Amino acid sequence: MPSARTAVIAIGGNSLILDNNKPGVEYQWQAVYQTAGHIVDMIRAGWRVVITHGNGPQVGFILRRNELANKVEGIHMTPMDLIGADTQGSIGYMLQQALNNKLRAVGIRRGVVTVVTQTLVDRNDPAFQNPNKPIGGFMTEEEGKRFRDEGWTVVEDAGRGYRRVVPSPIPIEIIELDAINTLVEKEFVVICTGGGGIPVIRDEEGNLRGVNAVIDKDRGTALLANGLKADLFLISTAVEKVALNFGKPDQKDLDVMTLAEARRYMAEGHFKPGSMYPKIEAIVNYLENGGPLAIITNPENIARALRGETGTRIVPA
């Protein structure tokens, strides 16, 4: 089913955990099969699909296991870049298997592949001097002191406890872009750039080296979408449409938003920093760099949003 249309879809790490009270792997499989079904509907409609995913909850689980294992002699801690690679492999495997099975069930022969993806950042990015991205769970002040002694940055979080924070630098290059593009052209369904990509820098000799940081998933996906010259950048999230005055009596859902309007709404403070703001910011970057169309909606409404029946469409003008 050849197609000239390429869609890059960003799904949240929480798409694998529908209920915070049921985070077990068996429930993650149920969630990923639901997500895969919606993506297969896109493939049946003629789209070439590239999938990225968040990994926040999964990184938190690995960090917690690290903390528990660190009390056992001979068990080493895992650095953030390897944790990112671990989650790309595990989440990619789940999506890959679910998509293979769903495609087979509807009679589509299409290869599905996961690419462990590195994302280049500037080693002089100011974010390295101002870590602000929380990772892991909450801890007591005493536990926080222990992590500070180990070299982590730890901050108090709105009276809820203490958390580690790491830098979140701006992504500037998808290292495996050419390989991903080749796979897309060969009609593979590609899962890549998980968690925004594994953050790497180039050292004085030009060699790649992983760093203790995280990349915003939507920023990384926007960079990927521009690099692939994607026809669509789709963010699958928890809401059917983007809204102004979200959660207030005068909430206004948006069917269409122009690039200029998106910039204005961001400046007016309509979008929360830890929620919709980074998604709109990523879409603004995508459109400013030549992207033709972005859509935000929830997973169950992807097909309807592609038909223009729901979701929020963000366009250059």
Foldseek 3Di string as FASTA:
>chain_A
DAAPAEEEEEEELCLQPVDPVDNDPVSSLVSLLLLLLLVVVVVVVPYLYEYAYECQVVQQVLQVVQVVCVVPPPDDHDFPLVSQLVRLVVVLVSNQVSNVVSCVVVPHDAAEDEDQWAFEFEPVFCLQVPFDAFHYDFDAPVVVVVVVVVPFDWDQDPVPHITTTGGAGQTDDIPCLVVVLVSSVVRHHYYYCYQLHQYWYQDPVGDTDGDRHGYHSLSSSLNSCLSNVHQEYEYADDAAFDWFPPPDPPIDGALEAELVRLVVSVVVPRDDPVPCNVNSVSVNVNVVSPHAKYWYGHSVCPVVVVVSNTTYMYGHD
